[in-house]
Amino acid sequence: MRLRSLLIASAILAATPLTTSATPSPADPPVPPGGPHGLAILRPCPSSQLKAAVTSDQGAMLHRELRITLTNAGASACAIDGYPAVRLLDALNHPRISAESFSLAPRMFIIAPDQQAAFRLRVATGDGTTSYLTVGTLAIIPPGDVVPLFVKIALPSAPTIDVTALQPAAEVK
């Protein structure tokens, strides 16, 4: 027991950085915890902490473009970085999509409680000759998670959809 306590104390001392002064020099500015990216200390936003909603639905030229928001319904901030996985599901919850294309460069940002991230989803409504079958559910999986959020909506089952990177909601028009 005594050896274990000694090993734990040694590990704590080894992990504690030694400093020579309390004030960092201008040549060595302080680095936030988690390295040069302070956001790295936050965990990715889990599905259980988010609520999804379609906040805009516009159609033109054989396409529909949706603006989808993810609201942080949790009590703590979390980080978003990347593209959501999106699946169009039929009445039996089978995916009806064969390909996704991605646009906009992803970047990491924080979603505080009650704040929103958003992305755009573009779906073809037909090929000009025939209309695509309609699906009733949109499954959205946030980056860093595997559990989908479900949104009921009637959408065409297009062979390809375009998904933009998640951005702070104020930046997605």
N, C-alpha and C. Protein backbone atom coordinates (compact mmCIF):
# COMPACT_ATOMS: atom_id res chain seq x y z
N MET A 1 0.82 -1.18 0.00
CA MET A 1 0.00 0.00 0.00
C MET A 1 0.87 1.25 0.00
N ARG A 2 1.94 1.21 0.79
CA ARG A 2 2.82 2.35 0.89
C ARG A 2 3.57 2.58 -0.43
N LEU A 3 3.98 1.48 -1.10
CA LEU A 3 4.65 1.58 -2.39
C LEU A 3 3.71 2.17 -3.43
N ARG A 4 2.45 1.77 -3.40
CA ARG A 4 1.46 2.30 -4.34
C ARG A 4 1.29 3.80 -4.14
N SER A 5 1.20 4.27 -2.91
CA SER A 5 1.07 5.70 -2.62
C SER A 5 2.29 6.46 -3.12
N LEU A 6 3.45 5.89 -2.94
CA LEU A 6 4.68 6.52 -3.41
C LEU A 6 4.70 6.61 -4.93
N LEU A 7 4.24 5.56 -5.62
CA LEU A 7 4.19 5.58 -7.07
C LEU A 7 3.20 6.61 -7.59
N ILE A 8 2.05 6.73 -6.95
CA ILE A 8 1.05 7.71 -7.35
C ILE A 8 1.60 9.12 -7.14
N ALA A 9 2.23 9.38 -6.00
CA ALA A 9 2.80 10.70 -5.73
C ALA A 9 3.90 11.03 -6.74
N SER A 10 4.72 10.06 -7.11
CA SER A 10 5.77 10.27 -8.10
C SER A 10 5.17 10.60 -9.46
N ALA A 11 4.10 9.92 -9.84
CA ALA A 11 3.45 10.17 -11.13
C ALA A 11 2.85 11.56 -11.16
N ILE A 12 2.25 12.00 -10.07
CA ILE A 12 1.68 13.35 -10.01
C ILE A 12 2.77 14.40 -10.14
N LEU A 13 3.88 14.21 -9.42
CA LEU A 13 4.98 15.16 -9.51
C LEU A 13 5.58 15.18 -10.91
N ALA A 14 5.69 14.05 -11.55
CA ALA A 14 6.26 13.99 -12.89
C ALA A 14 5.35 14.68 -13.90
N ALA A 15 4.04 14.65 -13.68
CA ALA A 15 3.10 15.26 -14.61
C ALA A 15 2.94 16.75 -14.37
N THR A 16 3.36 17.25 -13.20
CA THR A 16 3.23 18.67 -12.88
C THR A 16 4.40 19.43 -13.47
N PRO A 17 4.12 20.44 -14.36
CA PRO A 17 5.23 21.18 -14.94
C PRO A 17 5.91 22.07 -13.90
N LEU A 18 7.22 22.15 -14.02
CA LEU A 18 7.98 23.01 -13.15
C LEU A 18 8.07 24.39 -13.78
N THR A 19 7.85 25.45 -13.01
CA THR A 19 7.96 26.81 -13.53
C THR A 19 8.98 27.57 -12.71
N THR A 20 9.64 28.51 -13.37
CA THR A 20 10.64 29.30 -12.66
C THR A 20 10.09 30.63 -12.22
N SER A 21 8.97 31.06 -12.84
CA SER A 21 8.34 32.29 -12.40
C SER A 21 6.84 32.18 -12.61
N ALA A 22 6.09 32.99 -11.91
CA ALA A 22 4.63 32.93 -12.00
C ALA A 22 4.14 33.65 -13.25
N THR A 23 4.95 34.53 -13.83
CA THR A 23 4.54 35.30 -14.99
C THR A 23 5.26 34.78 -16.23
N PRO A 24 4.51 34.38 -17.27
CA PRO A 24 5.17 33.90 -18.48
C PRO A 24 5.84 35.06 -19.21
N SER A 25 6.94 34.76 -19.87
CA SER A 25 7.61 35.81 -20.62
C SER A 25 6.89 36.04 -21.93
N PRO A 26 7.01 37.24 -22.54
CA PRO A 26 6.35 37.49 -23.82
C PRO A 26 6.81 36.53 -24.91
N ALA A 27 8.03 36.03 -24.79
CA ALA A 27 8.53 35.09 -25.79
C ALA A 27 7.85 33.73 -25.68
N ASP A 28 7.35 33.39 -24.51
CA ASP A 28 6.66 32.13 -24.28
C ASP A 28 5.26 32.39 -23.75
N PRO A 29 4.31 32.77 -24.62
CA PRO A 29 2.95 33.02 -24.14
C PRO A 29 2.34 31.73 -23.61
N PRO A 30 1.38 31.85 -22.70
CA PRO A 30 0.78 30.63 -22.15
C PRO A 30 0.02 29.86 -23.23
N VAL A 31 0.09 28.55 -23.15
CA VAL A 31 -0.63 27.68 -24.08
C VAL A 31 -1.84 27.15 -23.33
N PRO A 32 -3.04 27.30 -23.91
CA PRO A 32 -4.22 26.80 -23.22
C PRO A 32 -4.15 25.29 -23.06
N PRO A 33 -4.84 24.75 -22.06
CA PRO A 33 -4.86 23.30 -21.88
C PRO A 33 -5.33 22.62 -23.16
N GLY A 34 -4.75 21.50 -23.47
CA GLY A 34 -5.14 20.77 -24.67
C GLY A 34 -4.28 21.14 -25.86
N GLY A 35 -3.22 21.89 -25.65
CA GLY A 35 -2.33 22.25 -26.75
C GLY A 35 -2.73 23.58 -27.36
N PRO A 36 -2.26 23.87 -28.58
CA PRO A 36 -2.52 25.15 -29.20
C PRO A 36 -3.98 25.36 -29.55
N HIS A 37 -4.76 24.31 -29.56
CA HIS A 37 -6.19 24.43 -29.85
C HIS A 37 -6.95 24.24 -28.55
N GLY A 38 -7.33 25.32 -27.89
CA GLY A 38 -8.03 25.25 -26.63
C GLY A 38 -9.33 24.49 -26.72
N LEU A 39 -9.91 24.43 -27.94
CA LEU A 39 -11.17 23.71 -28.10
C LEU A 39 -11.00 22.21 -27.93
N ALA A 40 -9.78 21.73 -28.06
CA ALA A 40 -9.52 20.29 -28.00
C ALA A 40 -9.87 19.71 -26.63
N ILE A 41 -10.01 20.54 -25.60
CA ILE A 41 -10.34 20.02 -24.29
C ILE A 41 -11.83 19.71 -24.14
N LEU A 42 -12.67 20.25 -25.04
CA LEU A 42 -14.09 19.94 -25.00
C LEU A 42 -14.35 18.65 -25.76
N ARG A 43 -15.33 17.91 -25.31
CA ARG A 43 -15.69 16.68 -26.00
C ARG A 43 -16.62 17.03 -27.17
N PRO A 44 -16.66 16.17 -28.19
CA PRO A 44 -17.58 16.39 -29.31
C PRO A 44 -19.02 16.37 -28.80
N CYS A 45 -19.88 17.11 -29.48
CA CYS A 45 -21.29 17.15 -29.10
C CYS A 45 -21.94 15.79 -29.39
N PRO A 46 -22.44 15.11 -28.36
CA PRO A 46 -23.11 13.83 -28.59
C PRO A 46 -24.56 14.05 -29.04
N SER A 47 -25.10 13.10 -29.74
CA SER A 47 -26.50 13.17 -30.18
C SER A 47 -27.45 13.40 -29.01
N SER A 48 -27.15 12.81 -27.87
CA SER A 48 -28.03 12.92 -26.71
C SER A 48 -28.13 14.36 -26.20
N GLN A 49 -27.20 15.21 -26.58
CA GLN A 49 -27.17 16.59 -26.12
C GLN A 49 -27.73 17.55 -27.18
N LEU A 50 -28.07 17.04 -28.36
CA LEU A 50 -28.50 17.89 -29.47
C LEU A 50 -29.94 17.64 -29.87
N LYS A 51 -30.56 18.67 -30.41
CA LYS A 51 -31.89 18.56 -31.01
C LYS A 51 -31.78 19.08 -32.44
N ALA A 52 -32.32 18.32 -33.39
CA ALA A 52 -32.24 18.70 -34.81
C ALA A 52 -33.58 19.23 -35.28
N ALA A 53 -33.53 20.23 -36.17
CA ALA A 53 -34.74 20.79 -36.76
C ALA A 53 -34.43 21.35 -38.14
N VAL A 54 -35.39 21.23 -39.04
CA VAL A 54 -35.28 21.86 -40.35
C VAL A 54 -35.79 23.28 -40.18
N THR A 55 -34.93 24.27 -40.42
CA THR A 55 -35.32 25.67 -40.21
C THR A 55 -35.56 26.41 -41.52
N SER A 56 -35.25 25.79 -42.64
CA SER A 56 -35.53 26.38 -43.95
C SER A 56 -35.63 25.26 -44.96
N ASP A 57 -36.59 25.37 -45.87
CA ASP A 57 -36.80 24.35 -46.90
C ASP A 57 -37.22 25.07 -48.17
N GLN A 58 -36.30 25.17 -49.13
CA GLN A 58 -36.56 25.89 -50.37
C GLN A 58 -36.33 24.96 -51.55
N GLY A 59 -37.12 25.15 -52.59
CA GLY A 59 -36.96 24.32 -53.78
C GLY A 59 -36.88 25.15 -55.03
N ALA A 60 -36.05 24.69 -55.98
CA ALA A 60 -35.92 25.34 -57.29
C ALA A 60 -35.08 24.46 -58.20
N MET A 61 -35.38 24.51 -59.50
CA MET A 61 -34.55 23.85 -60.51
C MET A 61 -34.25 22.39 -60.18
N LEU A 62 -35.27 21.61 -59.87
CA LEU A 62 -35.16 20.17 -59.59
C LEU A 62 -34.30 19.84 -58.37
N HIS A 63 -34.23 20.77 -57.42
CA HIS A 63 -33.50 20.55 -56.18
C HIS A 63 -34.29 21.13 -55.01
N ARG A 64 -34.01 20.59 -53.83
CA ARG A 64 -34.48 21.19 -52.58
C ARG A 64 -33.26 21.44 -51.72
N GLU A 65 -33.26 22.60 -51.07
CA GLU A 65 -32.16 22.93 -50.18
C GLU A 65 -32.73 23.21 -48.80
N LEU A 66 -32.22 22.47 -47.82
CA LEU A 66 -32.68 22.60 -46.45
C LEU A 66 -31.57 23.18 -45.59
N ARG A 67 -31.96 23.99 -44.63
CA ARG A 67 -31.05 24.48 -43.58
C ARG A 67 -31.46 23.71 -42.33
N ILE A 68 -30.52 22.96 -41.76
CA ILE A 68 -30.81 22.13 -40.59
C ILE A 68 -29.97 22.63 -39.44
N THR A 69 -30.62 22.87 -38.31
CA THR A 69 -29.90 23.34 -37.12
C THR A 69 -29.82 22.23 -36.09
N LEU A 70 -28.71 22.22 -35.38
CA LEU A 70 -28.50 21.34 -34.24
C LEU A 70 -28.35 22.25 -33.03
N THR A 71 -29.28 22.15 -32.09
CA THR A 71 -29.27 23.00 -30.90
C THR A 71 -28.71 22.22 -29.72
N ASN A 72 -27.81 22.86 -28.99
CA ASN A 72 -27.24 22.24 -27.78
C ASN A 72 -28.30 22.34 -26.68
N ALA A 73 -28.96 21.23 -26.38
CA ALA A 73 -29.99 21.18 -25.36
C ALA A 73 -29.43 20.74 -24.01
N GLY A 74 -28.11 20.57 -23.93
CA GLY A 74 -27.47 20.12 -22.71
C GLY A 74 -27.10 21.27 -21.79
N ALA A 75 -26.50 20.93 -20.67
CA ALA A 75 -26.11 21.92 -19.66
C ALA A 75 -24.67 22.38 -19.83
N SER A 76 -23.90 21.76 -20.74
CA SER A 76 -22.50 22.14 -20.90
C SER A 76 -22.17 22.37 -22.38
N ALA A 77 -21.13 23.14 -22.61
CA ALA A 77 -20.68 23.40 -23.97
C ALA A 77 -20.04 22.14 -24.54
N CYS A 78 -20.02 22.06 -25.87
CA CYS A 78 -19.37 20.95 -26.54
C CYS A 78 -18.79 21.45 -27.86
N ALA A 79 -17.96 20.65 -28.48
CA ALA A 79 -17.28 21.05 -29.71
C ALA A 79 -17.86 20.35 -30.93
N ILE A 80 -17.89 21.08 -32.03
CA ILE A 80 -18.33 20.54 -33.32
C ILE A 80 -17.19 20.75 -34.30
N ASP A 81 -16.92 19.73 -35.10
CA ASP A 81 -15.88 19.85 -36.11
C ASP A 81 -16.14 18.83 -37.20
N GLY A 82 -16.56 19.29 -38.36
CA GLY A 82 -16.71 18.37 -39.48
C GLY A 82 -18.08 18.38 -40.11
N TYR A 83 -18.37 17.26 -40.73
CA TYR A 83 -19.61 17.08 -41.47
C TYR A 83 -20.52 16.09 -40.73
N PRO A 84 -21.82 16.36 -40.72
CA PRO A 84 -22.72 15.34 -40.18
C PRO A 84 -22.91 14.24 -41.22
N ALA A 85 -23.13 13.04 -40.78
CA ALA A 85 -23.54 11.96 -41.67
C ALA A 85 -25.04 12.08 -41.82
N VAL A 86 -25.54 12.02 -43.04
CA VAL A 86 -26.97 12.21 -43.30
C VAL A 86 -27.47 11.02 -44.11
N ARG A 87 -28.60 10.48 -43.67
CA ARG A 87 -29.23 9.37 -44.38
C ARG A 87 -30.71 9.67 -44.56
N LEU A 88 -31.22 9.40 -45.75
CA LEU A 88 -32.64 9.49 -46.03
C LEU A 88 -33.22 8.09 -45.79
N LEU A 89 -34.20 8.00 -44.90
CA LEU A 89 -34.75 6.70 -44.51
C LEU A 89 -36.17 6.53 -45.02
N ASP A 90 -36.48 5.33 -45.51
CA ASP A 90 -37.83 5.04 -45.98
C ASP A 90 -38.74 4.68 -44.80
N ALA A 91 -39.95 4.25 -45.09
CA ALA A 91 -40.93 3.94 -44.04
C ALA A 91 -40.47 2.83 -43.10
N LEU A 92 -39.57 1.96 -43.57
CA LEU A 92 -39.04 0.88 -42.73
C LEU A 92 -37.68 1.25 -42.11
N ASN A 93 -37.32 2.51 -42.19
CA ASN A 93 -36.04 3.04 -41.69
C ASN A 93 -34.82 2.45 -42.39
N HIS A 94 -34.99 2.08 -43.66
CA HIS A 94 -33.86 1.64 -44.48
C HIS A 94 -33.27 2.86 -45.17
N PRO A 95 -31.95 2.99 -45.21
CA PRO A 95 -31.34 4.13 -45.90
C PRO A 95 -31.61 4.07 -47.40
N ARG A 96 -31.92 5.21 -47.99
CA ARG A 96 -32.21 5.31 -49.41
C ARG A 96 -31.29 6.30 -50.10
N ILE A 97 -30.02 6.20 -49.82
CA ILE A 97 -29.06 7.10 -50.45
C ILE A 97 -27.83 6.30 -50.87
N SER A 98 -27.26 6.68 -52.00
CA SER A 98 -26.10 5.93 -52.47
C SER A 98 -24.80 6.72 -52.36
N ALA A 99 -24.87 8.02 -52.29
CA ALA A 99 -23.63 8.80 -52.24
C ALA A 99 -23.88 10.15 -51.57
N GLU A 100 -22.85 10.67 -50.92
CA GLU A 100 -22.88 12.01 -50.36
C GLU A 100 -21.72 12.79 -50.95
N SER A 101 -21.95 14.06 -51.21
CA SER A 101 -20.85 14.94 -51.56
C SER A 101 -20.79 16.00 -50.47
N PHE A 102 -19.61 16.57 -50.27
CA PHE A 102 -19.40 17.49 -49.16
C PHE A 102 -18.85 18.81 -49.67
N SER A 103 -19.29 19.90 -49.05
CA SER A 103 -18.79 21.21 -49.42
C SER A 103 -18.54 22.05 -48.17
N LEU A 104 -17.84 23.12 -48.35
CA LEU A 104 -17.34 24.01 -47.30
C LEU A 104 -16.27 23.31 -46.46
N ALA A 105 -15.31 24.08 -46.05
CA ALA A 105 -14.22 23.53 -45.23
C ALA A 105 -14.66 23.46 -43.77
N PRO A 106 -14.51 22.31 -43.13
CA PRO A 106 -14.90 22.21 -41.72
C PRO A 106 -13.92 22.95 -40.82
N ARG A 107 -14.43 23.40 -39.70
CA ARG A 107 -13.59 24.01 -38.68
C ARG A 107 -14.21 23.74 -37.32
N MET A 108 -13.37 23.67 -36.30
CA MET A 108 -13.86 23.39 -34.96
C MET A 108 -14.39 24.66 -34.32
N PHE A 109 -15.52 24.54 -33.63
CA PHE A 109 -16.08 25.65 -32.87
C PHE A 109 -16.88 25.09 -31.71
N ILE A 110 -17.24 25.97 -30.79
CA ILE A 110 -17.96 25.57 -29.57
C ILE A 110 -19.43 25.91 -29.70
N ILE A 111 -20.26 25.01 -29.21
CA ILE A 111 -21.69 25.29 -29.08
C ILE A 111 -22.00 25.33 -27.59
N ALA A 112 -22.30 26.51 -27.08
CA ALA A 112 -22.69 26.66 -25.68
C ALA A 112 -24.12 26.17 -25.52
N PRO A 113 -24.58 25.95 -24.29
CA PRO A 113 -25.97 25.55 -24.09
C PRO A 113 -26.92 26.55 -24.76
N ASP A 114 -27.94 26.05 -25.40
CA ASP A 114 -28.95 26.81 -26.14
C ASP A 114 -28.43 27.48 -27.41
N GLN A 115 -27.19 27.23 -27.78
CA GLN A 115 -26.64 27.76 -29.03
C GLN A 115 -26.84 26.73 -30.13
N GLN A 116 -26.64 27.17 -31.41
CA GLN A 116 -26.90 26.28 -32.53
C GLN A 116 -25.75 26.22 -33.52
N ALA A 117 -25.63 25.08 -34.13
CA ALA A 117 -24.80 24.88 -35.32
C ALA A 117 -25.78 24.57 -36.45
N ALA A 118 -25.34 24.80 -37.67
CA ALA A 118 -26.23 24.54 -38.81
C ALA A 118 -25.44 24.02 -39.99
N PHE A 119 -26.16 23.35 -40.89
CA PHE A 119 -25.57 22.93 -42.16
C PHE A 119 -26.66 22.95 -43.22
N ARG A 120 -26.24 22.92 -44.46
CA ARG A 120 -27.16 22.88 -45.58
C ARG A 120 -27.15 21.48 -46.19
N LEU A 121 -28.31 21.05 -46.62
CA LEU A 121 -28.49 19.77 -47.29
C LEU A 121 -29.19 20.05 -48.61
N ARG A 122 -28.58 19.61 -49.70
CA ARG A 122 -29.17 19.81 -51.02
C ARG A 122 -29.52 18.44 -51.60
N VAL A 123 -30.78 18.30 -52.03
CA VAL A 123 -31.29 17.03 -52.54
C VAL A 123 -31.93 17.28 -53.90
N ALA A 124 -31.59 16.44 -54.87
CA ALA A 124 -32.25 16.51 -56.18
C ALA A 124 -33.66 15.94 -56.05
N THR A 125 -34.63 16.60 -56.70
CA THR A 125 -36.01 16.12 -56.63
C THR A 125 -36.36 15.20 -57.79
N GLY A 126 -35.52 15.17 -58.79
CA GLY A 126 -35.74 14.30 -59.95
C GLY A 126 -34.67 14.56 -60.98
N ASP A 127 -34.73 13.83 -62.06
CA ASP A 127 -33.72 14.00 -63.11
C ASP A 127 -34.25 14.80 -64.30
N GLY A 128 -35.42 15.39 -64.16
CA GLY A 128 -36.03 16.14 -65.25
C GLY A 128 -37.04 15.33 -66.02
N THR A 129 -36.95 14.02 -65.94
CA THR A 129 -37.88 13.14 -66.64
C THR A 129 -38.80 12.43 -65.66
N THR A 130 -38.21 11.91 -64.60
CA THR A 130 -38.99 11.21 -63.59
C THR A 130 -38.72 11.82 -62.22
N SER A 131 -39.67 11.68 -61.34
CA SER A 131 -39.49 12.13 -59.96
C SER A 131 -38.96 10.98 -59.13
N TYR A 132 -38.19 11.30 -58.13
CA TYR A 132 -37.67 10.27 -57.23
C TYR A 132 -38.72 9.89 -56.20
N LEU A 133 -38.59 8.69 -55.64
CA LEU A 133 -39.48 8.26 -54.56
C LEU A 133 -39.28 9.18 -53.37
N THR A 134 -40.30 9.30 -52.54
CA THR A 134 -40.24 10.15 -51.36
C THR A 134 -39.95 9.32 -50.12
N VAL A 135 -39.07 9.81 -49.27
CA VAL A 135 -38.78 9.18 -47.99
C VAL A 135 -39.30 10.09 -46.88
N GLY A 136 -39.55 9.51 -45.71
CA GLY A 136 -40.20 10.27 -44.65
C GLY A 136 -39.34 10.68 -43.47
N THR A 137 -38.10 10.21 -43.41
CA THR A 137 -37.27 10.50 -42.24
C THR A 137 -35.85 10.86 -42.67
N LEU A 138 -35.30 11.82 -42.00
CA LEU A 138 -33.92 12.23 -42.18
C LEU A 138 -33.16 11.83 -40.92
N ALA A 139 -32.10 11.04 -41.07
CA ALA A 139 -31.26 10.64 -39.94
C ALA A 139 -29.97 11.45 -40.01
N ILE A 140 -29.63 12.13 -38.93
CA ILE A 140 -28.45 13.00 -38.87
C ILE A 140 -27.56 12.50 -37.74
N ILE A 141 -26.31 12.20 -38.08
CA ILE A 141 -25.35 11.74 -37.07
C ILE A 141 -24.27 12.82 -36.94
N PRO A 142 -24.18 13.47 -35.78
CA PRO A 142 -23.17 14.52 -35.62
C PRO A 142 -21.75 13.95 -35.64
N PRO A 143 -20.77 14.75 -36.05
CA PRO A 143 -19.39 14.27 -36.06
C PRO A 143 -18.97 13.81 -34.66
N GLY A 144 -18.28 12.70 -34.60
CA GLY A 144 -17.79 12.18 -33.32
C GLY A 144 -18.79 11.31 -32.59
N ASP A 145 -19.93 11.02 -33.20
CA ASP A 145 -20.94 10.17 -32.56
C ASP A 145 -21.39 9.12 -33.57
N VAL A 146 -22.15 8.15 -33.12
CA VAL A 146 -22.69 7.11 -34.00
C VAL A 146 -24.20 6.99 -33.88
N VAL A 147 -24.80 7.75 -32.97
CA VAL A 147 -26.23 7.68 -32.73
C VAL A 147 -26.93 8.78 -33.53
N PRO A 148 -27.92 8.42 -34.35
CA PRO A 148 -28.57 9.43 -35.18
C PRO A 148 -29.65 10.21 -34.44
N LEU A 149 -29.87 11.43 -34.94
CA LEU A 149 -31.03 12.24 -34.58
C LEU A 149 -32.00 12.08 -35.73
N PHE A 150 -33.30 11.98 -35.45
CA PHE A 150 -34.28 11.76 -36.51
C PHE A 150 -35.18 12.97 -36.66
N VAL A 151 -35.42 13.33 -37.93
CA VAL A 151 -36.32 14.43 -38.26
C VAL A 151 -37.32 13.90 -39.29
N LYS A 152 -38.60 14.05 -39.01
CA LYS A 152 -39.64 13.63 -39.96
C LYS A 152 -39.80 14.72 -41.02
N ILE A 153 -39.65 14.32 -42.28
CA ILE A 153 -39.81 15.26 -43.39
C ILE A 153 -39.95 14.44 -44.67
N ALA A 154 -40.74 14.91 -45.59
CA ALA A 154 -40.90 14.23 -46.88
C ALA A 154 -39.85 14.77 -47.84
N LEU A 155 -38.90 13.91 -48.22
CA LEU A 155 -37.83 14.29 -49.13
C LEU A 155 -37.71 13.27 -50.25
N PRO A 156 -37.24 13.73 -51.42
CA PRO A 156 -36.99 12.78 -52.49
C PRO A 156 -35.80 11.88 -52.15
N SER A 157 -35.87 10.65 -52.59
CA SER A 157 -34.79 9.69 -52.36
C SER A 157 -33.79 9.81 -53.51
N ALA A 158 -33.00 10.87 -53.48
CA ALA A 158 -32.04 11.15 -54.56
C ALA A 158 -30.84 10.21 -54.49
N PRO A 159 -30.21 9.94 -55.63
CA PRO A 159 -29.03 9.08 -55.61
C PRO A 159 -27.81 9.75 -54.97
N THR A 160 -27.79 11.10 -54.93
CA THR A 160 -26.68 11.83 -54.33
C THR A 160 -27.24 13.05 -53.60
N ILE A 161 -26.69 13.32 -52.43
CA ILE A 161 -27.05 14.55 -51.71
C ILE A 161 -25.76 15.31 -51.42
N ASP A 162 -25.89 16.62 -51.24
CA ASP A 162 -24.73 17.45 -50.88
C ASP A 162 -24.94 17.96 -49.46
N VAL A 163 -23.92 17.78 -48.62
CA VAL A 163 -23.95 18.18 -47.22
C VAL A 163 -22.82 19.17 -46.99
N THR A 164 -23.12 20.30 -46.36
CA THR A 164 -22.06 21.25 -46.03
C THR A 164 -21.52 20.95 -44.64
N ALA A 165 -20.33 21.48 -44.36
CA ALA A 165 -19.75 21.34 -43.03
C ALA A 165 -20.62 22.09 -42.03
N LEU A 166 -20.62 21.63 -40.81
CA LEU A 166 -21.32 22.34 -39.74
C LEU A 166 -20.62 23.67 -39.48
N GLN A 167 -21.40 24.72 -39.28
CA GLN A 167 -20.91 26.06 -39.03
C GLN A 167 -21.75 26.65 -37.89
N PRO A 168 -21.29 27.70 -37.23
CA PRO A 168 -22.17 28.38 -36.29
C PRO A 168 -23.44 28.81 -37.04
N ALA A 169 -24.59 28.65 -36.43
CA ALA A 169 -25.88 28.89 -37.12
C ALA A 169 -25.98 30.29 -37.70
N ALA A 170 -25.41 31.29 -37.05
CA ALA A 170 -25.49 32.66 -37.55
C ALA A 170 -24.78 32.83 -38.89
N GLU A 171 -23.87 31.92 -39.22
CA GLU A 171 -23.12 32.03 -40.47
C GLU A 171 -23.75 31.27 -41.63
N VAL A 172 -24.79 30.49 -41.37
CA VAL A 172 -25.45 29.69 -42.41
C VAL A 172 -26.74 30.40 -42.76
N LYS A 173 -26.78 30.95 -43.93
CA LYS A 173 -27.97 31.72 -44.39
C LYS A 173 -28.99 30.82 -45.02
